All heavy atoms as atom14 arrays in JSON, in Angstrom:
{
  "sequence": "AYQSRVATSERILRDLYNQRSEQSLAVPGDRSKLDAIRRRLLLAE",
  "atom14_mask": [
    [1, 1, 1, 1, 1, 0, 0, 0, 0, 0, 0, 0, 0, 0],
    [1, 1, 1, 1, 1, 1, 1, 1, 1, 1, 1, 1, 0, 0],
    [1, 1, 1, 1, 1, 1, 1, 1, 1, 0, 0, 0, 0, 0],
    [1, 1, 1, 1, 1, 1, 0, 0, 0, 0, 0, 0, 0, 0],
    [1, 1, 1, 1, 1, 1, 1, 1, 1, 1, 1, 0, 0, 0],
    [1, 1, 1, 1, 1, 1, 1, 0, 0, 0, 0, 0, 0, 0],
    [1, 1, 1, 1, 1, 0, 0, 0, 0, 0, 0, 0, 0, 0],
    [1, 1, 1, 1, 1, 1, 1, 0, 0, 0, 0, 0, 0, 0],
    [1, 1, 1, 1, 1, 1, 0, 0, 0, 0, 0, 0, 0, 0],
    [1, 1, 1, 1, 1, 1, 1, 1, 1, 0, 0, 0, 0, 0],
    [1, 1, 1, 1, 1, 1, 1, 1, 1, 1, 1, 0, 0, 0],
    [1, 1, 1, 1, 1, 1, 1, 1, 0, 0, 0, 0, 0, 0],
    [1, 1, 1, 1, 1, 1, 1, 1, 0, 0, 0, 0, 0, 0],
    [1, 1, 1, 1, 1, 1, 1, 1, 1, 1, 1, 0, 0, 0],
    [1, 1, 1, 1, 1, 1, 1, 1, 0, 0, 0, 0, 0, 0],
    [1, 1, 1, 1, 1, 1, 1, 1, 0, 0, 0, 0, 0, 0],
    [1, 1, 1, 1, 1, 1, 1, 1, 1, 1, 1, 1, 0, 0],
    [1, 1, 1, 1, 1, 1, 1, 1, 0, 0, 0, 0, 0, 0],
    [1, 1, 1, 1, 1, 1, 1, 1, 1, 0, 0, 0, 0, 0],
    [1, 1, 1, 1, 1, 1, 1, 1, 1, 1, 1, 0, 0, 0],
    [1, 1, 1, 1, 1, 1, 0, 0, 0, 0, 0, 0, 0, 0],
    [1, 1, 1, 1, 1, 1, 1, 1, 1, 0, 0, 0, 0, 0],
    [1, 1, 1, 1, 1, 1, 1, 1, 1, 0, 0, 0, 0, 0],
    [1, 1, 1, 1, 1, 1, 0, 0, 0, 0, 0, 0, 0, 0],
    [1, 1, 1, 1, 1, 1, 1, 1, 0, 0, 0, 0, 0, 0],
    [1, 1, 1, 1, 1, 0, 0, 0, 0, 0, 0, 0, 0, 0],
    [1, 1, 1, 1, 1, 1, 1, 0, 0, 0, 0, 0, 0, 0],
    [1, 1, 1, 1, 1, 1, 1, 0, 0, 0, 0, 0, 0, 0],
    [1, 1, 1, 1, 0, 0, 0, 0, 0, 0, 0, 0, 0, 0],
    [1, 1, 1, 1, 1, 1, 1, 1, 0, 0, 0, 0, 0, 0],
    [1, 1, 1, 1, 1, 1, 1, 1, 1, 1, 1, 0, 0, 0],
    [1, 1, 1, 1, 1, 1, 0, 0, 0, 0, 0, 0, 0, 0],
    [1, 1, 1, 1, 1, 1, 1, 1, 1, 0, 0, 0, 0, 0],
    [1, 1, 1, 1, 1, 1, 1, 1, 0, 0, 0, 0, 0, 0],
    [1, 1, 1, 1, 1, 1, 1, 1, 0, 0, 0, 0, 0, 0],
    [1, 1, 1, 1, 1, 0, 0, 0, 0, 0, 0, 0, 0, 0],
    [1, 1, 1, 1, 1, 1, 1, 1, 0, 0, 0, 0, 0, 0],
    [1, 1, 1, 1, 1, 1, 1, 1, 1, 1, 1, 0, 0, 0],
    [1, 1, 1, 1, 1, 1, 1, 1, 1, 1, 1, 0, 0, 0],
    [1, 1, 1, 1, 1, 1, 1, 1, 1, 1, 1, 0, 0, 0],
    [1, 1, 1, 1, 1, 1, 1, 1, 0, 0, 0, 0, 0, 0],
    [1, 1, 1, 1, 1, 1, 1, 1, 0, 0, 0, 0, 0, 0],
    [1, 1, 1, 1, 1, 1, 1, 1, 0, 0, 0, 0, 0, 0],
    [1, 1, 1, 1, 1, 0, 0, 0, 0, 0, 0, 0, 0, 0],
    [1, 1, 1, 1, 1, 1, 1, 1, 1, 0, 0, 0, 0, 0]
  ],
  "atom14_positions": [
    [[55.53, 89.77, -113.95], [56.4, 90.97, -114.13], [57.91, 90.58, -113.61], [58.79, 90.9, -114.2], [55.81, 92.14, -113.5], [0.0, 0.0, 0.0], [0.0, 0.0, 0.0], [0.0, 0.0, 0.0], [0.0, 0.0, 0.0], [0.0, 0.0, 0.0], [0.0, 0.0, 0.0], [0.0, 0.0, 0.0], [0.0, 0.0, 0.0], [0.0, 0.0, 0.0]],
    [[57.79, 90.0, -112.41], [59.21, 89.71, -111.84], [59.81, 88.51, -112.59], [61.01, 88.48, -112.85], [59.04, 89.23, -110.36], [58.86, 90.44, -109.46], [57.69, 90.7, -108.76], [59.97, 91.25, -109.24], [57.63, 91.72, -107.89], [59.9, 92.34, -108.41], [58.69, 92.54, -107.72], [58.53, 93.6, -106.83], [0.0, 0.0, 0.0], [0.0, 0.0, 0.0]],
    [[59.04, 87.66, -113.18], [59.51, 86.43, -113.87], [60.22, 87.03, -115.26], [61.24, 86.43, -115.63], [58.48, 85.45, -114.27], [58.99, 84.23, -114.92], [60.03, 83.41, -114.12], [60.05, 83.41, -112.86], [61.04, 82.96, -114.79], [0.0, 0.0, 0.0], [0.0, 0.0, 0.0], [0.0, 0.0, 0.0], [0.0, 0.0, 0.0], [0.0, 0.0, 0.0]],
    [[59.59, 88.11, -115.74], [60.27, 88.65, -116.97], [61.63, 89.25, -116.63], [62.47, 89.05, -117.47], [59.31, 89.74, -117.42], [59.93, 90.35, -118.56], [0.0, 0.0, 0.0], [0.0, 0.0, 0.0], [0.0, 0.0, 0.0], [0.0, 0.0, 0.0], [0.0, 0.0, 0.0], [0.0, 0.0, 0.0], [0.0, 0.0, 0.0], [0.0, 0.0, 0.0]],
    [[61.72, 89.86, -115.45], [62.99, 90.41, -115.1], [64.04, 89.25, -114.79], [65.28, 89.4, -115.15], [62.86, 91.25, -113.77], [64.13, 92.02, -113.47], [64.08, 92.54, -111.95], [62.95, 93.49, -111.7], [62.74, 94.14, -110.66], [63.52, 93.87, -109.64], [61.81, 95.03, -110.52], [0.0, 0.0, 0.0], [0.0, 0.0, 0.0], [0.0, 0.0, 0.0]],
    [[63.58, 88.26, -114.2], [64.42, 87.07, -113.91], [64.89, 86.5, -115.22], [66.12, 86.21, -115.38], [63.72, 85.98, -113.1], [64.58, 84.7, -112.97], [63.4, 86.57, -111.67], [0.0, 0.0, 0.0], [0.0, 0.0, 0.0], [0.0, 0.0, 0.0], [0.0, 0.0, 0.0], [0.0, 0.0, 0.0], [0.0, 0.0, 0.0], [0.0, 0.0, 0.0]],
    [[64.07, 86.16, -116.23], [64.39, 85.65, -117.38], [65.38, 86.54, -118.22], [66.47, 86.04, -118.77], [63.22, 85.34, -118.3], [0.0, 0.0, 0.0], [0.0, 0.0, 0.0], [0.0, 0.0, 0.0], [0.0, 0.0, 0.0], [0.0, 0.0, 0.0], [0.0, 0.0, 0.0], [0.0, 0.0, 0.0], [0.0, 0.0, 0.0], [0.0, 0.0, 0.0]],
    [[65.14, 87.76, -118.24], [66.03, 88.66, -118.92], [67.48, 88.68, -118.29], [68.41, 88.63, -118.99], [65.54, 90.12, -118.92], [64.27, 90.14, -119.57], [66.48, 91.05, -119.7], [0.0, 0.0, 0.0], [0.0, 0.0, 0.0], [0.0, 0.0, 0.0], [0.0, 0.0, 0.0], [0.0, 0.0, 0.0], [0.0, 0.0, 0.0], [0.0, 0.0, 0.0]],
    [[67.55, 88.76, -116.97], [68.82, 88.82, -116.16], [69.54, 87.45, -116.49], [70.76, 87.46, -116.65], [68.52, 89.02, -114.69], [67.93, 90.24, -114.62], [0.0, 0.0, 0.0], [0.0, 0.0, 0.0], [0.0, 0.0, 0.0], [0.0, 0.0, 0.0], [0.0, 0.0, 0.0], [0.0, 0.0, 0.0], [0.0, 0.0, 0.0], [0.0, 0.0, 0.0]],
    [[68.84, 86.36, -116.37], [69.54, 85.05, -116.47], [70.02, 84.87, -117.92], [71.13, 84.32, -118.08], [68.57, 83.99, -116.2], [68.14, 83.86, -114.65], [67.28, 82.69, -114.37], [66.5, 82.31, -115.31], [67.17, 82.33, -113.2], [0.0, 0.0, 0.0], [0.0, 0.0, 0.0], [0.0, 0.0, 0.0], [0.0, 0.0, 0.0], [0.0, 0.0, 0.0]],
    [[69.32, 85.43, -118.94], [69.76, 85.22, -120.29], [71.12, 86.0, -120.52], [72.04, 85.44, -121.11], [68.64, 85.65, -121.21], [69.12, 85.57, -122.74], [67.99, 86.1, -123.66], [67.48, 87.38, -123.26], [68.07, 88.48, -123.56], [69.19, 88.58, -124.27], [67.5, 89.7, -123.27], [0.0, 0.0, 0.0], [0.0, 0.0, 0.0], [0.0, 0.0, 0.0]],
    [[71.12, 87.27, -120.08], [72.33, 88.14, -120.21], [73.46, 87.45, -119.45], [74.68, 87.51, -119.94], [71.98, 89.54, -119.86], [70.89, 90.15, -120.64], [73.27, 90.41, -119.92], [70.42, 91.48, -120.29], [0.0, 0.0, 0.0], [0.0, 0.0, 0.0], [0.0, 0.0, 0.0], [0.0, 0.0, 0.0], [0.0, 0.0, 0.0], [0.0, 0.0, 0.0]],
    [[73.18, 87.04, -118.19], [74.27, 86.48, -117.4], [74.89, 85.22, -118.07], [76.1, 85.0, -118.01], [73.7, 86.15, -115.96], [73.67, 87.21, -114.98], [72.95, 86.77, -113.67], [75.03, 87.83, -114.64], [0.0, 0.0, 0.0], [0.0, 0.0, 0.0], [0.0, 0.0, 0.0], [0.0, 0.0, 0.0], [0.0, 0.0, 0.0], [0.0, 0.0, 0.0]],
    [[73.98, 84.33, -118.63], [74.46, 83.18, -119.34], [75.43, 83.6, -120.45], [76.36, 82.92, -120.63], [73.22, 82.31, -119.86], [73.7, 81.0, -120.49], [72.45, 80.26, -120.91], [71.71, 80.94, -121.92], [70.49, 81.46, -121.78], [69.84, 81.36, -120.62], [69.91, 82.15, -122.68], [0.0, 0.0, 0.0], [0.0, 0.0, 0.0], [0.0, 0.0, 0.0]],
    [[75.04, 84.58, -121.28], [75.81, 85.0, -122.35], [77.14, 85.54, -121.88], [78.23, 85.25, -122.55], [75.11, 86.07, -123.15], [73.96, 85.57, -123.86], [73.69, 84.3, -123.96], [72.98, 86.35, -124.22], [0.0, 0.0, 0.0], [0.0, 0.0, 0.0], [0.0, 0.0, 0.0], [0.0, 0.0, 0.0], [0.0, 0.0, 0.0], [0.0, 0.0, 0.0]],
    [[77.21, 86.3, -120.74], [78.35, 86.91, -120.26], [79.36, 85.74, -119.77], [80.55, 85.73, -119.93], [78.07, 87.94, -119.11], [77.51, 89.2, -119.56], [77.13, 90.03, -118.39], [78.52, 90.09, -120.47], [0.0, 0.0, 0.0], [0.0, 0.0, 0.0], [0.0, 0.0, 0.0], [0.0, 0.0, 0.0], [0.0, 0.0, 0.0], [0.0, 0.0, 0.0]],
    [[78.71, 84.79, -119.05], [79.54, 83.69, -118.39], [80.15, 82.84, -119.59], [81.22, 82.14, -119.35], [78.72, 82.88, -117.5], [78.54, 83.52, -116.08], [77.37, 83.22, -115.41], [79.48, 84.35, -115.62], [77.15, 83.89, -114.16], [79.37, 84.99, -114.34], [78.23, 84.71, -113.65], [77.95, 85.23, -112.39], [0.0, 0.0, 0.0], [0.0, 0.0, 0.0]],
    [[79.41, 82.73, -120.63], [79.96, 81.9, -121.78], [81.12, 82.57, -122.55], [81.81, 81.96, -123.34], [78.82, 81.52, -122.81], [77.91, 80.55, -122.2], [78.25, 79.75, -121.29], [76.61, 80.61, -122.6], [0.0, 0.0, 0.0], [0.0, 0.0, 0.0], [0.0, 0.0, 0.0], [0.0, 0.0, 0.0], [0.0, 0.0, 0.0], [0.0, 0.0, 0.0]],
    [[81.25, 83.91, -122.32], [82.35, 84.63, -122.98], [83.56, 84.58, -122.13], [83.86, 85.45, -121.27], [81.93, 86.14, -123.19], [80.73, 86.26, -124.16], [80.3, 87.75, -124.11], [80.91, 88.57, -123.57], [79.23, 88.01, -124.9], [0.0, 0.0, 0.0], [0.0, 0.0, 0.0], [0.0, 0.0, 0.0], [0.0, 0.0, 0.0], [0.0, 0.0, 0.0]],
    [[84.3, 83.52, -122.28], [85.5, 83.2, -121.46], [86.78, 83.79, -122.05], [87.88, 83.52, -121.61], [85.74, 81.7, -121.37], [84.55, 80.97, -120.79], [84.52, 81.2, -119.22], [85.71, 80.59, -118.62], [85.87, 80.45, -117.34], [85.07, 80.97, -116.47], [86.96, 79.83, -116.84], [0.0, 0.0, 0.0], [0.0, 0.0, 0.0], [0.0, 0.0, 0.0]],
    [[86.69, 84.72, -123.0], [87.86, 85.33, -123.6], [88.5, 86.27, -122.6], [87.83, 86.8, -121.65], [87.53, 86.2, -124.88], [86.72, 87.23, -124.49], [0.0, 0.0, 0.0], [0.0, 0.0, 0.0], [0.0, 0.0, 0.0], [0.0, 0.0, 0.0], [0.0, 0.0, 0.0], [0.0, 0.0, 0.0], [0.0, 0.0, 0.0], [0.0, 0.0, 0.0]],
    [[89.78, 86.4, -122.71], [90.5, 87.31, -121.78], [90.08, 88.7, -121.93], [90.25, 89.54, -121.0], [92.02, 87.23, -122.08], [92.58, 85.91, -121.82], [94.14, 85.81, -122.0], [94.65, 86.9, -122.33], [94.78, 84.77, -121.73], [0.0, 0.0, 0.0], [0.0, 0.0, 0.0], [0.0, 0.0, 0.0], [0.0, 0.0, 0.0], [0.0, 0.0, 0.0]],
    [[89.59, 89.2, -123.02], [89.09, 90.52, -123.14], [87.93, 90.77, -122.13], [87.77, 91.8, -121.56], [88.68, 90.85, -124.57], [89.77, 91.06, -125.49], [89.37, 91.37, -126.86], [88.19, 91.35, -127.19], [90.37, 91.83, -127.75], [0.0, 0.0, 0.0], [0.0, 0.0, 0.0], [0.0, 0.0, 0.0], [0.0, 0.0, 0.0], [0.0, 0.0, 0.0]],
    [[86.98, 89.81, -122.2], [85.82, 90.09, -121.35], [86.03, 89.77, -119.84], [85.29, 90.21, -119.0], [84.63, 89.28, -121.75], [84.99, 87.94, -121.76], [0.0, 0.0, 0.0], [0.0, 0.0, 0.0], [0.0, 0.0, 0.0], [0.0, 0.0, 0.0], [0.0, 0.0, 0.0], [0.0, 0.0, 0.0], [0.0, 0.0, 0.0], [0.0, 0.0, 0.0]],
    [[87.14, 88.98, -119.59], [87.41, 88.65, -118.17], [88.8, 89.05, -117.79], [89.64, 88.29, -117.4], [87.25, 87.1, -118.05], [85.84, 86.54, -118.18], [85.88, 84.99, -118.24], [84.92, 87.14, -117.23], [0.0, 0.0, 0.0], [0.0, 0.0, 0.0], [0.0, 0.0, 0.0], [0.0, 0.0, 0.0], [0.0, 0.0, 0.0], [0.0, 0.0, 0.0]],
    [[89.12, 90.31, -118.03], [90.45, 90.8, -117.85], [90.83, 90.76, -116.42], [92.05, 90.74, -116.05], [90.67, 92.16, -118.57], [0.0, 0.0, 0.0], [0.0, 0.0, 0.0], [0.0, 0.0, 0.0], [0.0, 0.0, 0.0], [0.0, 0.0, 0.0], [0.0, 0.0, 0.0], [0.0, 0.0, 0.0], [0.0, 0.0, 0.0], [0.0, 0.0, 0.0]],
    [[89.89, 91.05, -115.52], [90.23, 91.13, -114.08], [90.02, 89.77, -113.42], [89.02, 89.12, -113.72], [89.31, 92.24, -113.51], [89.54, 92.31, -112.0], [89.58, 93.59, -114.08], [0.0, 0.0, 0.0], [0.0, 0.0, 0.0], [0.0, 0.0, 0.0], [0.0, 0.0, 0.0], [0.0, 0.0, 0.0], [0.0, 0.0, 0.0], [0.0, 0.0, 0.0]],
    [[90.96, 89.4, -112.52], [90.78, 88.08, -112.02], [89.59, 87.88, -111.27], [89.02, 86.72, -111.27], [92.03, 87.96, -111.03], [93.05, 88.96, -111.56], [92.23, 90.07, -112.24], [0.0, 0.0, 0.0], [0.0, 0.0, 0.0], [0.0, 0.0, 0.0], [0.0, 0.0, 0.0], [0.0, 0.0, 0.0], [0.0, 0.0, 0.0], [0.0, 0.0, 0.0]],
    [[88.89, 88.84, -110.66], [87.72, 88.67, -109.92], [86.58, 88.36, -110.75], [85.61, 87.69, -110.36], [0.0, 0.0, 0.0], [0.0, 0.0, 0.0], [0.0, 0.0, 0.0], [0.0, 0.0, 0.0], [0.0, 0.0, 0.0], [0.0, 0.0, 0.0], [0.0, 0.0, 0.0], [0.0, 0.0, 0.0], [0.0, 0.0, 0.0], [0.0, 0.0, 0.0]],
    [[86.56, 88.78, -112.12], [85.35, 88.38, -113.02], [85.37, 86.9, -113.2], [84.26, 86.28, -113.14], [85.61, 89.09, -114.3], [85.63, 90.61, -114.29], [84.95, 91.11, -113.36], [86.24, 91.23, -115.11], [0.0, 0.0, 0.0], [0.0, 0.0, 0.0], [0.0, 0.0, 0.0], [0.0, 0.0, 0.0], [0.0, 0.0, 0.0], [0.0, 0.0, 0.0]],
    [[86.49, 86.36, -113.33], [86.5, 84.83, -113.67], [86.42, 84.07, -112.3], [85.85, 83.04, -112.3], [87.83, 84.47, -114.3], [87.93, 83.07, -114.74], [89.08, 82.86, -115.58], [89.18, 81.47, -116.0], [90.17, 81.01, -116.91], [91.03, 81.86, -117.3], [90.2, 79.75, -117.18], [0.0, 0.0, 0.0], [0.0, 0.0, 0.0], [0.0, 0.0, 0.0]],
    [[86.92, 84.6, -111.19], [86.9, 83.87, -109.92], [85.58, 83.71, -109.4], [85.2, 82.71, -108.74], [87.73, 84.64, -108.97], [87.23, 85.88, -108.66], [0.0, 0.0, 0.0], [0.0, 0.0, 0.0], [0.0, 0.0, 0.0], [0.0, 0.0, 0.0], [0.0, 0.0, 0.0], [0.0, 0.0, 0.0], [0.0, 0.0, 0.0], [0.0, 0.0, 0.0]],
    [[84.63, 84.71, -109.66], [83.2, 84.46, -109.31], [82.54, 83.41, -109.95], [81.88, 82.55, -109.3], [82.46, 85.82, -109.56], [81.01, 85.73, -109.1], [80.37, 87.12, -109.2], [80.87, 87.97, -108.15], [79.97, 89.29, -108.18], [0.0, 0.0, 0.0], [0.0, 0.0, 0.0], [0.0, 0.0, 0.0], [0.0, 0.0, 0.0], [0.0, 0.0, 0.0]],
    [[82.72, 83.22, -111.28], [82.16, 82.07, -112.06], [82.76, 80.76, -111.51], [82.03, 79.79, -111.36], [82.43, 82.28, -113.48], [82.0, 81.12, -114.37], [80.52, 80.91, -114.21], [82.27, 81.44, -115.87], [0.0, 0.0, 0.0], [0.0, 0.0, 0.0], [0.0, 0.0, 0.0], [0.0, 0.0, 0.0], [0.0, 0.0, 0.0], [0.0, 0.0, 0.0]],
    [[84.11, 80.81, -111.38], [84.69, 79.61, -110.91], [84.2, 79.17, -109.45], [84.1, 78.04, -109.16], [86.3, 79.81, -110.77], [86.9, 79.76, -112.25], [86.32, 79.34, -113.16], [88.07, 80.25, -112.32], [0.0, 0.0, 0.0], [0.0, 0.0, 0.0], [0.0, 0.0, 0.0], [0.0, 0.0, 0.0], [0.0, 0.0, 0.0], [0.0, 0.0, 0.0]],
    [[84.01, 80.09, -108.65], [83.42, 79.83, -107.3], [82.04, 79.25, -107.39], [81.66, 78.24, -106.64], [83.39, 81.12, -106.49], [0.0, 0.0, 0.0], [0.0, 0.0, 0.0], [0.0, 0.0, 0.0], [0.0, 0.0, 0.0], [0.0, 0.0, 0.0], [0.0, 0.0, 0.0], [0.0, 0.0, 0.0], [0.0, 0.0, 0.0], [0.0, 0.0, 0.0]],
    [[81.28, 79.69, -108.29], [79.9, 79.04, -108.54], [80.07, 77.66, -109.05], [79.35, 76.77, -108.49], [79.09, 79.94, -109.54], [78.86, 81.31, -108.87], [77.78, 79.25, -109.89], [78.16, 82.31, -109.78], [0.0, 0.0, 0.0], [0.0, 0.0, 0.0], [0.0, 0.0, 0.0], [0.0, 0.0, 0.0], [0.0, 0.0, 0.0], [0.0, 0.0, 0.0]],
    [[80.83, 77.45, -110.01], [81.09, 76.06, -110.67], [81.7, 75.18, -109.53], [81.29, 74.01, -109.48], [81.95, 76.19, -111.79], [81.31, 76.82, -113.01], [82.21, 76.93, -114.16], [81.49, 77.32, -115.37], [82.06, 77.81, -116.56], [83.33, 77.83, -116.54], [81.34, 78.0, -117.5], [0.0, 0.0, 0.0], [0.0, 0.0, 0.0], [0.0, 0.0, 0.0]],
    [[82.54, 75.65, -108.79], [83.01, 74.78, -107.65], [81.96, 74.33, -106.68], [82.04, 73.22, -106.28], [84.22, 75.43, -106.86], [84.88, 74.77, -105.74], [86.11, 75.51, -105.17], [86.52, 74.71, -103.98], [87.4, 73.82, -104.07], [87.8, 73.3, -105.27], [87.8, 73.1, -102.98], [0.0, 0.0, 0.0], [0.0, 0.0, 0.0], [0.0, 0.0, 0.0]],
    [[81.21, 75.38, -106.37], [80.12, 75.04, -105.45], [79.15, 74.01, -105.94], [78.72, 73.07, -105.22], [79.32, 76.29, -105.06], [78.23, 76.13, -104.11], [77.76, 77.55, -103.67], [76.62, 77.42, -102.63], [76.04, 78.51, -102.09], [76.46, 79.65, -102.37], [75.08, 78.25, -101.28], [0.0, 0.0, 0.0], [0.0, 0.0, 0.0], [0.0, 0.0, 0.0]],
    [[78.88, 74.06, -107.27], [77.97, 73.14, -107.95], [78.62, 71.71, -107.95], [78.02, 70.71, -107.79], [77.64, 73.61, -109.28], [76.81, 74.86, -109.45], [76.56, 75.34, -110.84], [75.44, 74.68, -108.73], [0.0, 0.0, 0.0], [0.0, 0.0, 0.0], [0.0, 0.0, 0.0], [0.0, 0.0, 0.0], [0.0, 0.0, 0.0], [0.0, 0.0, 0.0]],
    [[79.94, 71.68, -108.28], [80.64, 70.47, -108.36], [80.72, 69.72, -106.97], [80.57, 68.51, -106.79], [81.99, 70.67, -108.9], [82.17, 70.96, -110.4], [83.52, 71.3, -110.75], [81.71, 69.72, -111.27], [0.0, 0.0, 0.0], [0.0, 0.0, 0.0], [0.0, 0.0, 0.0], [0.0, 0.0, 0.0], [0.0, 0.0, 0.0], [0.0, 0.0, 0.0]],
    [[80.89, 70.59, -105.92], [80.92, 70.02, -104.61], [79.54, 69.47, -104.25], [79.41, 68.44, -103.47], [81.38, 71.04, -103.61], [82.88, 71.39, -103.69], [83.13, 72.58, -102.68], [83.75, 70.32, -103.3], [0.0, 0.0, 0.0], [0.0, 0.0, 0.0], [0.0, 0.0, 0.0], [0.0, 0.0, 0.0], [0.0, 0.0, 0.0], [0.0, 0.0, 0.0]],
    [[78.48, 70.2, -104.66], [77.1, 69.71, -104.43], [76.87, 68.33, -105.11], [76.23, 67.42, -104.58], [76.05, 70.76, -104.97], [0.0, 0.0, 0.0], [0.0, 0.0, 0.0], [0.0, 0.0, 0.0], [0.0, 0.0, 0.0], [0.0, 0.0, 0.0], [0.0, 0.0, 0.0], [0.0, 0.0, 0.0], [0.0, 0.0, 0.0], [0.0, 0.0, 0.0]],
    [[77.37, 68.19, -106.34], [77.32, 66.96, -107.05], [78.08, 65.83, -106.31], [77.59, 64.7, -106.14], [77.86, 67.02, -108.53], [77.05, 67.95, -109.4], [77.55, 67.87, -110.79], [77.91, 66.74, -111.29], [77.66, 68.89, -111.43], [0.0, 0.0, 0.0], [0.0, 0.0, 0.0], [0.0, 0.0, 0.0], [0.0, 0.0, 0.0], [0.0, 0.0, 0.0]]
  ]
}
């Protein structure tokens, strides 16, 4: 049951993060959160 919730949330989040248009990321904080995650992953690499 919890895995179903995880899968649904991850799928929607992936779709939202792939929408890099200015309309969906009008506020700097929306994009900065994704950039912070990517920066963290790159530093881990």
